[in-house]
C-alpha atoms as a PDB file:
ATOM      1  CA  MET A   1     -11.695  62.774  20.411  1.00  0.00           C
ATOM      2  CA  SER A   2      -9.233  66.014  20.156  1.00  0.00           C
ATOM      3  CA  SER A   3     -10.105  67.581  17.005  1.00  0.00           C
ATOM      4  CA  ASP A   4      -6.601  67.126  15.107  1.00  0.00           C
ATOM      5  CA  VAL A   5      -6.657  63.477  16.093  1.00  0.00           C
ATOM      6  CA  ASP A   6      -6.826  61.230  12.870  1.00  0.00           C
ATOM      7  CA  PRO A   7      -9.470  59.213  12.953  1.00  0.00           C
ATOM      8  CA  CYS A   8      -8.799  55.421  12.234  1.00  0.00           C
ATOM      9  CA  VAL A   9     -11.119  52.121  11.931  1.00  0.00           C
ATOM     10  CA  LEU A  10     -10.122  48.669  13.879  1.00  0.00           C
ATOM     11  CA  ALA A  11      -9.610  46.458  10.426  1.00  0.00           C
ATOM     12  CA  TYR A  12     -10.454  42.400  10.427  1.00  0.00           C
ATOM     13  CA  ASP A  13      -9.222  40.360   8.235  1.00  0.00           C
ATOM     14  CA  VAL A  14     -10.393  35.772   8.805  1.00  0.00           C
ATOM     15  CA  GLY A  15      -9.309  33.913   6.949  1.00  0.00           C
ATOM     16  CA  GLY A  16      -9.427  30.206   6.936  1.00  0.00           C
ATOM     17  CA  SER A  17      -6.889  29.048   9.476  1.00  0.00           C
ATOM     18  CA  HIS A  18      -6.217  32.859  10.972  1.00  0.00           C
ATOM     19  CA  ILE A  19      -7.253  36.152  12.081  1.00  0.00           C
ATOM     20  CA  SER A  20      -5.614  39.238  11.492  1.00  0.00           C
ATOM     21  CA  ALA A  21      -6.291  42.619  13.095  1.00  0.00           C
ATOM     22  CA  ALA A  22      -4.730  46.261  12.444  1.00  0.00           C
ATOM     23  CA  VAL A  23      -5.876  50.050  13.292  1.00  0.00           C
ATOM     24  CA  CYS A  24      -6.425  51.674   9.750  1.00  0.00           C
ATOM     25  CA  ARG A  25      -5.789  55.595   9.545  1.00  0.00           C
ATOM     26  CA  ARG A  26      -7.885  57.218   7.229  1.00  0.00           C
ATOM     27  CA  GLN A  27      -4.827  59.179   6.068  1.00  0.00           C
ATOM     28  CA  GLY A  28      -3.093  56.997   3.447  1.00  0.00           C
ATOM     29  CA  TYR A  29      -4.813  54.228   4.882  1.00  0.00           C
ATOM     30  CA  GLN A  30      -2.129  53.207   6.674  1.00  0.00           C
ATOM     31  CA  LEU A  31      -1.978  50.407   9.104  1.00  0.00           C
ATOM     32  CA  GLY A  32      -0.729  50.087  12.591  1.00  0.00           C
ATOM     33  CA  PRO A  33       0.936  46.899  13.421  1.00  0.00           C
ATOM     34  CA  VAL A  34      -0.812  43.894  12.872  1.00  0.00           C
ATOM     35  CA  VAL A  35      -2.015  41.563  15.399  1.00  0.00           C
ATOM     36  CA  ARG A  36      -2.609  37.684  14.513  1.00  0.00           C
ATOM     37  CA  ALA A  37      -4.012  34.322  16.004  1.00  0.00           C
ATOM     38  CA  ASN A  38      -5.240  31.264  14.610  1.00  0.00           C
ATOM     39  CA  LEU A  39      -9.030  30.385  14.535  1.00  0.00           C
ATOM     40  CA  PRO A  40     -10.462  29.493  18.286  1.00  0.00           C
ATOM     41  CA  GLU A  41      -9.717  25.332  18.948  1.00  0.00           C
ATOM     42  CA  GLU A  42     -13.127  25.597  20.828  1.00  0.00           C
ATOM     43  CA  GLU A  43     -15.570  25.754  17.712  1.00  0.00           C
ATOM     44  CA  THR A  44     -18.029  28.242  19.475  1.00  0.00           C
ATOM     45  CA  SER A  45     -19.342  31.722  18.715  1.00  0.00           C
ATOM     46  CA  ALA A  46     -18.421  32.826  21.615  1.00  0.00           C
ATOM     47  CA  ALA A  47     -14.860  31.695  21.367  1.00  0.00           C
ATOM     48  CA  PHE A  48     -14.605  33.369  17.985  1.00  0.00           C
ATOM     49  CA  LEU A  49     -15.832  36.908  19.273  1.00  0.00           C
ATOM     50  CA  ASP A  50     -13.604  35.990  22.389  1.00  0.00           C
ATOM     51  CA  VAL A  51     -10.645  36.037  20.178  1.00  0.00           C
ATOM     52  CA  LEU A  52     -11.857  38.887  17.740  1.00  0.00           C
ATOM     53  CA  HIS A  53     -12.253  40.979  20.973  1.00  0.00           C
ATOM     54  CA  SER A  54      -8.535  40.181  22.071  1.00  0.00           C
ATOM     55  CA  LEU A  55      -6.797  40.601  18.557  1.00  0.00           C
ATOM     56  CA  GLY A  56      -9.309  43.945  18.554  1.00  0.00           C
ATOM     57  CA  ARG A  57      -7.560  45.296  22.066  1.00  0.00           C
ATOM     58  CA  GLN A  58      -4.135  44.145  20.982  1.00  0.00           C
ATOM     59  CA  ALA A  59      -4.122  46.311  17.846  1.00  0.00           C
ATOM     60  CA  SER A  60      -5.816  49.648  18.987  1.00  0.00           C
ATOM     61  CA  ALA A  61      -4.300  49.305  22.455  1.00  0.00           C
ATOM     62  CA  GLY A  62      -3.371  53.080  23.219  1.00  0.00           C
ATOM     63  CA  VAL A  63      -4.654  54.569  19.939  1.00  0.00           C
ATOM     64  CA  GLU A  64      -7.415  57.571  19.911  1.00  0.00           C
ATOM     65  CA  GLY A  65      -9.831  57.738  17.364  1.00  0.00           C
ATOM     66  CA  VAL A  66     -11.062  54.543  16.862  1.00  0.00           C
ATOM     67  CA  GLU A  67     -14.829  54.625  15.274  1.00  0.00           C
ATOM     68  CA  GLY A  68     -15.327  51.089  14.893  1.00  0.00           C
ATOM     69  CA  ALA A  69     -14.737  48.017  13.195  1.00  0.00           C
ATOM     70  CA  GLU A  70     -14.375  46.722   9.337  1.00  0.00           C
ATOM     71  CA  PHE A  71     -14.033  43.092   8.772  1.00  0.00           C
ATOM     72  CA  ALA A  72     -12.780  41.428   5.153  1.00  0.00           C
ATOM     73  CA  MET A  73     -15.226  38.197   5.697  1.00  0.00           C
ATOM     74  CA  PRO A  74     -15.576  35.324   3.559  1.00  0.00           C
ATOM     75  CA  GLY A  75     -19.138  34.638   2.499  1.00  0.00           C
ATOM     76  CA  PRO A  76     -21.304  33.743   2.376  1.00  0.00           C
ATOM     77  CA  PHE A  77     -22.345  36.259   4.869  1.00  0.00           C
ATOM     78  CA  ASP A  78     -24.678  38.836   4.763  1.00  0.00           C
ATOM     79  CA  TYR A  79     -22.551  41.554   4.744  1.00  0.00           C
ATOM     80  CA  GLU A  80     -25.423  44.667   5.077  1.00  0.00           C
ATOM     81  CA  LYS A  81     -26.820  42.971   8.332  1.00  0.00           C
ATOM     82  CA  GLY A  82     -23.454  41.209   9.882  1.00  0.00           C
ATOM     83  CA  ILE A  83     -24.836  37.618   9.713  1.00  0.00           C
ATOM     84  CA  SER A  84     -23.065  34.376   8.596  1.00  0.00           C
ATOM     85  CA  TRP A  85     -24.518  32.343   6.363  1.00  0.00           C
ATOM     86  CA  MET A  86     -21.593  30.060   6.180  1.00  0.00           C
ATOM     87  CA  GLU A  87     -21.894  26.330   6.588  1.00  0.00           C
ATOM     88  CA  HIS A  88     -18.656  24.778   5.769  1.00  0.00           C
ATOM     89  CA  LYS A  89     -16.573  26.934   6.971  1.00  0.00           C
ATOM     90  CA  MET A  90     -16.931  28.521  10.734  1.00  0.00           C
ATOM     91  CA  PRO A  91     -20.157  26.334  11.068  1.00  0.00           C
ATOM     92  CA  TYR A  92     -19.990  27.909  14.625  1.00  0.00           C
ATOM     93  CA  LEU A  93     -20.955  31.185  13.268  1.00  0.00           C
ATOM     94  CA  TYR A  94     -24.270  30.241  11.436  1.00  0.00           C
ATOM     95  CA  GLY A  95     -27.131  32.461  11.673  1.00  0.00           C
ATOM     96  CA  VAL A  96     -25.045  34.796  14.112  1.00  0.00           C
ATOM     97  CA  ASN A  97     -25.203  38.149  14.460  1.00  0.00           C
ATOM     98  CA  VAL A  98     -21.304  38.894  14.480  1.00  0.00           C
ATOM     99  CA  SER A  99     -22.140  42.816  14.024  1.00  0.00           C
ATOM    100  CA  GLU A 100     -24.490  43.067  17.789  1.00  0.00           C
ATOM    101  CA  ALA A 101     -22.362  40.483  19.155  1.00  0.00           C
ATOM    102  CA  LEU A 102     -18.844  41.748  18.760  1.00  0.00           C
ATOM    103  CA  ALA A 103     -20.356  45.178  19.287  1.00  0.00           C
ATOM    104  CA  ALA A 104     -21.718  44.514  22.848  1.00  0.00           C
ATOM    105  CA  LYS A 105     -18.206  43.360  23.738  1.00  0.00           C
ATOM    106  CA  PHE A 106     -16.969  46.915  22.726  1.00  0.00           C
ATOM    107  CA  GLY A 107     -19.973  49.032  24.054  1.00  0.00           C
ATOM    108  CA  TRP A 108     -20.199  49.948  20.785  1.00  0.00           C
ATOM    109  CA  LYS A 109     -23.763  50.078  18.674  1.00  0.00           C
ATOM    110  CA  SER A 110     -23.981  46.726  16.559  1.00  0.00           C
ATOM    111  CA  GLU A 111     -23.818  49.679  13.376  1.00  0.00           C
ATOM    112  CA  GLN A 112     -20.143  50.678  14.319  1.00  0.00           C
ATOM    113  CA  VAL A 113     -19.224  46.942  12.965  1.00  0.00           C
ATOM    114  CA  GLN A 114     -19.344  46.601   9.761  1.00  0.00           C
ATOM    115  CA  PHE A 115     -18.482  43.808   6.396  1.00  0.00           C
ATOM    116  CA  LEU A 116     -17.682  43.520   3.260  1.00  0.00           C
ATOM    117  CA  ASN A 117     -16.227  40.261   0.848  1.00  0.00           C
ATOM    118  CA  ASP A 118     -12.799  39.742   1.702  1.00  0.00           C
ATOM    119  CA  ALA A 119     -11.900  39.356  -1.943  1.00  0.00           C
ATOM    120  CA  ALA A 120     -13.686  43.125  -2.656  1.00  0.00           C
ATOM    121  CA  ALA A 121     -11.314  43.863   0.204  1.00  0.00           C
ATOM    122  CA  TYR A 122      -7.738  42.916  -1.089  1.00  0.00           C
ATOM    123  CA  LEU A 123      -8.530  44.816  -4.281  1.00  0.00           C
ATOM    124  CA  LEU A 124     -10.348  48.090  -2.260  1.00  0.00           C
ATOM    125  CA  GLY A 125      -6.509  47.673  -0.394  1.00  0.00           C
ATOM    126  CA  GLU A 126      -4.647  47.954  -4.207  1.00  0.00           C
ATOM    127  CA  VAL A 127      -6.948  50.384  -5.025  1.00  0.00           C
ATOM    128  CA  GLY A 128      -6.410  52.507  -2.074  1.00  0.00           C
ATOM    129  CA  ALA A 129      -2.778  51.953  -0.913  1.00  0.00           C
ATOM    130  CA  GLY A 130      -1.508  49.655  -2.906  1.00  0.00           C
ATOM    131  CA  ALA A 131      -0.657  48.922  -6.946  1.00  0.00           C
ATOM    132  CA  ALA A 132      -3.844  50.515  -8.634  1.00  0.00           C
ATOM    133  CA  GLN A 133      -3.527  53.766  -6.554  1.00  0.00           C
ATOM    134  CA  GLY A 134      -5.491  56.446  -9.138  1.00  0.00           C
ATOM    135  CA  VAL A 135      -6.690  53.965 -11.883  1.00  0.00           C
ATOM    136  CA  ASN A 136      -9.818  53.711 -13.115  1.00  0.00           C
ATOM    137  CA  ARG A 137     -10.494  50.521 -14.300  1.00  0.00           C
ATOM    138  CA  VAL A 138      -9.101  47.919 -12.088  1.00  0.00           C
ATOM    139  CA  VAL A 139      -9.026  44.007 -12.161  1.00  0.00           C
ATOM    140  CA  CYS A 140      -7.590  41.913  -9.559  1.00  0.00           C
ATOM    141  CA  PHE A 141      -6.828  38.537  -9.709  1.00  0.00           C
ATOM    142  CA  THR A 142      -6.227  35.934  -6.365  1.00  0.00           C
ATOM    143  CA  LEU A 143      -4.540  33.613  -7.973  1.00  0.00           C
ATOM    144  CA  GLY A 144      -4.249  30.618  -5.138  1.00  0.00           C
ATOM    145  CA  THR A 145      -5.972  27.667  -4.454  1.00  0.00           C
ATOM    146  CA  GLY A 146      -8.629  29.128  -6.585  1.00  0.00           C
ATOM    147  CA  LEU A 147      -9.560  32.110  -8.615  1.00  0.00           C
ATOM    148  CA  GLY A 148     -10.591  34.973  -6.664  1.00  0.00           C
ATOM    149  CA  SER A 149     -11.770  38.560  -8.832  1.00  0.00           C
ATOM    150  CA  GLY A 150     -12.768  41.738  -8.151  1.00  0.00           C
ATOM    151  CA  PHE A 151     -13.772  44.706 -10.455  1.00  0.00           C
ATOM    152  CA  ALA A 152     -13.784  48.688  -9.609  1.00  0.00           C
ATOM    153  CA  VAL A 153     -14.482  52.032 -11.205  1.00  0.00           C
ATOM    154  CA  ASP A 154     -13.233  54.854  -9.866  1.00  0.00           C
ATOM    155  CA  GLY A 155     -12.352  53.467  -6.621  1.00  0.00           C
ATOM    156  CA  ARG A 156     -15.436  51.284  -6.521  1.00  0.00           C
ATOM    157  CA  VAL A 157     -16.500  47.342  -6.176  1.00  0.00           C
ATOM    158  CA  VAL A 158     -18.617  46.578  -8.776  1.00  0.00           C
ATOM    159  CA  THR A 159     -20.382  43.688  -9.306  1.00  0.00           C
ATOM    160  CA  GLU A 160     -22.457  43.998 -11.900  1.00  0.00           C
ATOM    161  CA  GLY A 161     -22.874  46.101 -15.480  1.00  0.00           C
ATOM    162  CA  LYS A 162     -20.596  45.953 -18.956  1.00  0.00           C
ATOM    163  CA  GLY A 163     -17.539  42.723 -18.842  1.00  0.00           C
ATOM    164  CA  VAL A 164     -18.770  42.222 -15.300  1.00  0.00           C
ATOM    165  CA  PRO A 165     -19.302  38.469 -14.798  1.00  0.00           C
ATOM    166  CA  SER A 166     -22.332  37.725 -11.684  1.00  0.00           C
ATOM    167  CA  GLY A 167     -20.749  39.473  -8.378  1.00  0.00           C
ATOM    168  CA  GLY A 168     -17.519  39.975  -9.846  1.00  0.00           C
ATOM    169  CA  GLU A 169     -16.391  36.672  -9.465  1.00  0.00           C
ATOM    170  CA  ILE A 170     -15.021  35.362 -12.600  1.00  0.00           C
ATOM    171  CA  TRP A 171     -13.840  31.706 -11.380  1.00  0.00           C
ATOM    172  CA  ASN A 172     -16.759  29.434 -12.889  1.00  0.00           C
ATOM    173  CA  ALA A 173     -16.595  31.263 -16.069  1.00  0.00           C
ATOM    174  CA  PRO A 174     -17.175  29.098 -19.079  1.00  0.00           C
ATOM    175  CA  TYR A 175     -13.447  28.780 -20.418  1.00  0.00           C
ATOM    176  CA  GLU A 176     -11.957  26.267 -22.534  1.00  0.00           C
ATOM    177  CA  GLY A 177     -14.288  23.138 -22.332  1.00  0.00           C
ATOM    178  CA  GLY A 178     -14.298  24.038 -18.364  1.00  0.00           C
ATOM    179  CA  ILE A 179     -14.070  26.627 -15.959  1.00  0.00           C
ATOM    180  CA  ALA A 180     -11.299  29.407 -15.385  1.00  0.00           C
ATOM    181  CA  GLU A 181     -10.196  28.223 -12.028  1.00  0.00           C
ATOM    182  CA  ASP A 182      -9.387  24.873 -13.602  1.00  0.00           C
ATOM    183  CA  LEU A 183      -6.657  26.510 -15.562  1.00  0.00           C
ATOM    184  CA  ILE A 184      -5.656  29.464 -13.207  1.00  0.00           C
ATOM    185  CA  SER A 185      -5.087  27.651  -9.974  1.00  0.00           C
ATOM    186  CA  THR A 186      -2.499  25.827  -7.934  1.00  0.00           C
ATOM    187  CA  ARG A 187      -3.931  23.186  -8.974  1.00  0.00           C
ATOM    188  CA  ALA A 188      -3.482  23.985 -12.594  1.00  0.00           C
ATOM    189  CA  ILE A 189       0.497  24.549 -12.052  1.00  0.00           C
ATOM    190  CA  LYS A 190       0.757  20.961 -10.191  1.00  0.00           C
ATOM    191  CA  LYS A 191      -1.444  19.006 -12.696  1.00  0.00           C
ATOM    192  CA  SER A 192       1.060  20.736 -15.419  1.00  0.00           C
ATOM    193  CA  TYR A 193       3.869  19.789 -13.464  1.00  0.00           C
ATOM    194  CA  THR A 194       2.953  16.324 -13.123  1.00  0.00           C
ATOM    195  CA  ASP A 195       2.050  16.084 -16.031  1.00  0.00           C
ATOM    196  CA  ARG A 196       5.248  16.626 -17.157  1.00  0.00           C
ATOM    197  CA  THR A 197       7.605  15.067 -15.195  1.00  0.00           C
ATOM    198  CA  GLY A 198       5.619  12.260 -13.220  1.00  0.00           C
ATOM    199  CA  GLN A 199       6.580  13.709  -9.786  1.00  0.00           C
ATOM    200  CA  GLU A 200       3.724  15.875  -7.617  1.00  0.00           C
ATOM    201  CA  ARG A 201       4.907  18.696  -6.107  1.00  0.00           C
ATOM    202  CA  GLU A 202       3.508  21.992  -4.267  1.00  0.00           C
ATOM    203  CA  VAL A 203       3.592  25.492  -5.622  1.00  0.00           C
ATOM    204  CA  ALA A 204       6.391  26.557  -3.819  1.00  0.00           C
ATOM    205  CA  SER A 205       8.320  24.106  -4.756  1.00  0.00           C
ATOM    206  CA  ILE A 206       7.962  23.973  -8.809  1.00  0.00           C
ATOM    207  CA  ALA A 207       8.767  27.326  -8.088  1.00  0.00           C
ATOM    208  CA  HIS A 208      12.304  26.758  -5.801  1.00  0.00           C
ATOM    209  CA  TYR A 209      12.871  23.951  -8.771  1.00  0.00           C
ATOM    210  CA  ALA A 210      12.560  26.581 -11.682  1.00  0.00           C
ATOM    211  CA  VAL A 211      14.590  29.755 -10.010  1.00  0.00           C
ATOM    212  CA  GLY A 212      17.066  26.443  -9.582  1.00  0.00           C
ATOM    213  CA  GLY A 213      17.542  25.751 -13.434  1.00  0.00           C
ATOM    214  CA  ASP A 214      14.341  23.013 -13.545  1.00  0.00           C
ATOM    215  CA  ALA A 215      13.717  23.779 -17.210  1.00  0.00           C
ATOM    216  CA  ASP A 216      10.772  21.053 -16.832  1.00  0.00           C
ATOM    217  CA  ALA A 217       9.475  23.818 -13.645  1.00  0.00           C
ATOM    218  CA  ALA A 218      10.498  26.981 -15.590  1.00  0.00           C
ATOM    219  CA  ALA A 219       8.349  25.591 -18.440  1.00  0.00           C
ATOM    220  CA  VAL A 220       5.371  24.748 -16.177  1.00  0.00           C
ATOM    221  CA  PHE A 221       5.209  28.668 -14.744  1.00  0.00           C
ATOM    222  CA  HIS A 222       5.981  30.233 -18.313  1.00  0.00           C
ATOM    223  CA  GLU A 223       2.926  28.065 -20.049  1.00  0.00           C
ATOM    224  CA  PHE A 224       1.060  29.655 -16.534  1.00  0.00           C
ATOM    225  CA  GLY A 225       1.857  32.925 -17.630  1.00  0.00           C
ATOM    226  CA  LYS A 226       0.751  32.206 -21.001  1.00  0.00           C
ATOM    227  CA  THR A 227      -2.535  30.987 -20.458  1.00  0.00           C
ATOM    228  CA  LEU A 228      -3.574  33.861 -18.055  1.00  0.00           C
ATOM    229  CA  GLY A 229      -2.429  36.423 -20.669  1.00  0.00           C
ATOM    230  CA  ILE A 230      -4.383  34.669 -23.015  1.00  0.00           C
ATOM    231  CA  ALA A 231      -7.594  34.515 -20.953  1.00  0.00           C
ATOM    232  CA  ILE A 232      -7.719  38.558 -19.070  1.00  0.00           C
ATOM    233  CA  LYS A 233      -7.268  39.452 -23.044  1.00  0.00           C
ATOM    234  CA  ARG A 234     -10.682  36.375 -24.097  1.00  0.00           C
ATOM    235  CA  LEU A 235     -12.355  37.002 -20.390  1.00  0.00           C
ATOM    236  CA  LEU A 236     -11.831  41.132 -19.394  1.00  0.00           C
ATOM    237  CA  ALA A 237     -12.346  42.204 -23.201  1.00  0.00           C
ATOM    238  CA  ASP A 238     -15.703  43.979 -22.105  1.00  0.00           C
ATOM    239  CA  PHE A 239     -14.422  45.148 -18.990  1.00  0.00           C
ATOM    240  CA  ALA A 240     -11.542  46.670 -20.244  1.00  0.00           C
ATOM    241  CA  PRO A 241      -9.604  47.137 -17.380  1.00  0.00           C
ATOM    242  CA  ASP A 242      -7.098  49.915 -17.694  1.00  0.00           C
ATOM    243  CA  VAL A 243      -4.899  47.605 -14.728  1.00  0.00           C
ATOM    244  CA  VAL A 244      -4.804  44.241 -13.503  1.00  0.00           C
ATOM    245  CA  VAL A 245      -3.683  43.351 -10.055  1.00  0.00           C
ATOM    246  CA  LEU A 246      -1.981  39.567  -9.423  1.00  0.00           C
ATOM    247  CA  GLY A 247      -2.405  38.692  -5.787  1.00  0.00           C
ATOM    248  CA  GLY A 248      -2.256  35.756  -4.066  1.00  0.00           C
ATOM    249  CA  GLY A 249      -0.005  33.027  -2.970  1.00  0.00           C
ATOM    250  CA  ILE A 250       1.140  32.384  -7.148  1.00  0.00           C
ATOM    251  CA  SER A 251       1.971  35.745  -7.338  1.00  0.00           C
ATOM    252  CA  ARG A 252       5.175  35.297  -4.813  1.00  0.00           C
ATOM    253  CA  SER A 253       6.245  33.673  -8.257  1.00  0.00           C
ATOM    254  CA  ALA A 254       5.447  36.176 -10.705  1.00  0.00           C
ATOM    255  CA  PRO A 255       9.063  37.192 -11.267  1.00  0.00           C
ATOM    256  CA  LEU A 256       8.947  33.699 -13.198  1.00  0.00           C
ATOM    257  CA  PHE A 257       5.562  34.249 -15.649  1.00  0.00           C
ATOM    258  CA  LEU A 258       4.953  37.572 -15.561  1.00  0.00           C
ATOM    259  CA  ASP A 259       6.894  38.436 -18.633  1.00  0.00           C
ATOM    260  CA  ALA A 260       4.960  35.357 -20.439  1.00  0.00           C
ATOM    261  CA  VAL A 261       1.822  37.126 -19.648  1.00  0.00           C
ATOM    262  CA  LYS A 262       2.518  40.659 -21.186  1.00  0.00           C
ATOM    263  CA  ALA A 263       3.705  38.852 -24.040  1.00  0.00           C
ATOM    264  CA  GLU A 264       0.208  37.779 -24.768  1.00  0.00           C
ATOM    265  CA  LEU A 265      -1.361  41.411 -23.847  1.00  0.00           C
ATOM    266  CA  PRO A 266       0.626  43.691 -26.489  1.00  0.00           C
ATOM    267  CA  ASP A 267      -2.349  44.871 -28.724  1.00  0.00           C
ATOM    268  CA  THR A 268      -4.567  45.944 -25.781  1.00  0.00           C
ATOM    269  CA  GLN A 269      -4.544  48.533 -24.077  1.00  0.00           C
ATOM    270  CA  ILE A 270      -4.141  46.910 -19.951  1.00  0.00           C
ATOM    271  CA  GLU A 271      -0.898  46.737 -17.733  1.00  0.00           C
ATOM    272  CA  VAL A 272       0.059  44.164 -15.689  1.00  0.00           C
ATOM    273  CA  ARG A 273       1.109  44.860 -12.160  1.00  0.00           C
ATOM    274  CA  VAL A 274       1.401  42.687  -8.997  1.00  0.00           C
ATOM    275  CA  ALA A 275       0.437  43.401  -6.284  1.00  0.00           C
ATOM    276  CA  GLU A 276       2.392  45.628  -3.693  1.00  0.00           C
ATOM    277  CA  LEU A 277       0.543  44.651  -0.187  1.00  0.00           C
ATOM    278  CA  GLY A 278       0.538  41.023  -0.217  1.00  0.00           C
ATOM    279  CA  ASP A 279      -1.253  39.533   3.029  1.00  0.00           C
ATOM    280  CA  ASN A 280      -2.297  43.259   4.105  1.00  0.00           C
ATOM    281  CA  ALA A 281      -3.881  44.024   1.465  1.00  0.00           C
ATOM    282  CA  PRO A 282      -7.658  42.937   2.921  1.00  0.00           C
ATOM    283  CA  LEU A 283      -6.881  44.890   5.891  1.00  0.00           C
ATOM    284  CA  ALA A 284      -6.148  48.415   3.980  1.00  0.00           C
ATOM    285  CA  GLY A 285      -9.211  47.019   2.318  1.00  0.00           C
ATOM    286  CA  ALA A 286     -11.330  47.222   4.639  1.00  0.00           C
ATOM    287  CA  GLY A 287      -9.957  50.658   6.076  1.00  0.00           C
ATOM    288  CA  VAL A 288     -11.539  52.000   2.431  1.00  0.00           C
ATOM    289  CA  ALA A 289     -14.477  50.489   2.592  1.00  0.00           C
ATOM    290  CA  TRP A 290     -14.734  52.256   6.131  1.00  0.00           C
ATOM    291  CA  PHE A 291     -14.062  54.953   4.929  1.00  0.00           C
ATOM    292  CA  SER A 292     -15.886  55.542   1.865  1.00  0.00           C
ATOM    293  CA  ARG A 293     -19.244  54.777   3.676  1.00  0.00           C
ATOM    294  CA  ASN A 294     -18.198  57.001   6.872  1.00  0.00           C
ATOM    295  CA  VAL A 295     -17.127  60.362   5.188  1.00  0.00           C
END
């Protein structure tokens, strides 16, 4: 490899229905073209590994300086050893050492295939190349079917310490007689709309109606923003983040609720920003993780 070639890593994001891959360069964590494929119809570990290998070859075709692969992977997963313990999602991977199996396909050593939690990858992407660059204390919420979260200090993910919930996961934090996810999620927005109108709609449809001037739909998002702002103030008081980044599918409708979030935080030092990288955040975050470990 030429000394003037910018080192890069093959970054993967494994989701519930598809897999994405791209080359991520050390300089600025810039991504090359992103390639995607659905999870294999043949539900076997061999078919899964074939998809990973094929995507990796496509993403890195003609690229010099690829040092290995880093995966943004859902749990439960042994991120250090590269072994999946998922029983409900992708059960055909249960007990499989993905690290060793994929390394063999690429002709690499097993340590050239590394892993991190997908929520942590999303956070690192925004910290390294997105909305939270240069910020000291960051919390990222991924707003969607569930409530994902990640905490970072000085550019590194933290899963314990003052104000950090166990594992950095806030979805099941006790809140208002239930848990945080009950009030900050897709189902909360859908329930609020149904309670107001008696109709059932998906979040994207409710957002469409809100943009079109529907008062009930607009009120649902305003109430969601208010709830989120209060939750940020209460649940993150001890951690005291400088910035909270909002990502995930619901964040695409941020113009409908962001002002309501901020209205609850005037007496704090917390700044709320919308994620900049979208679906590519975990890929960039995988690159950040790789180069922070492999300096």
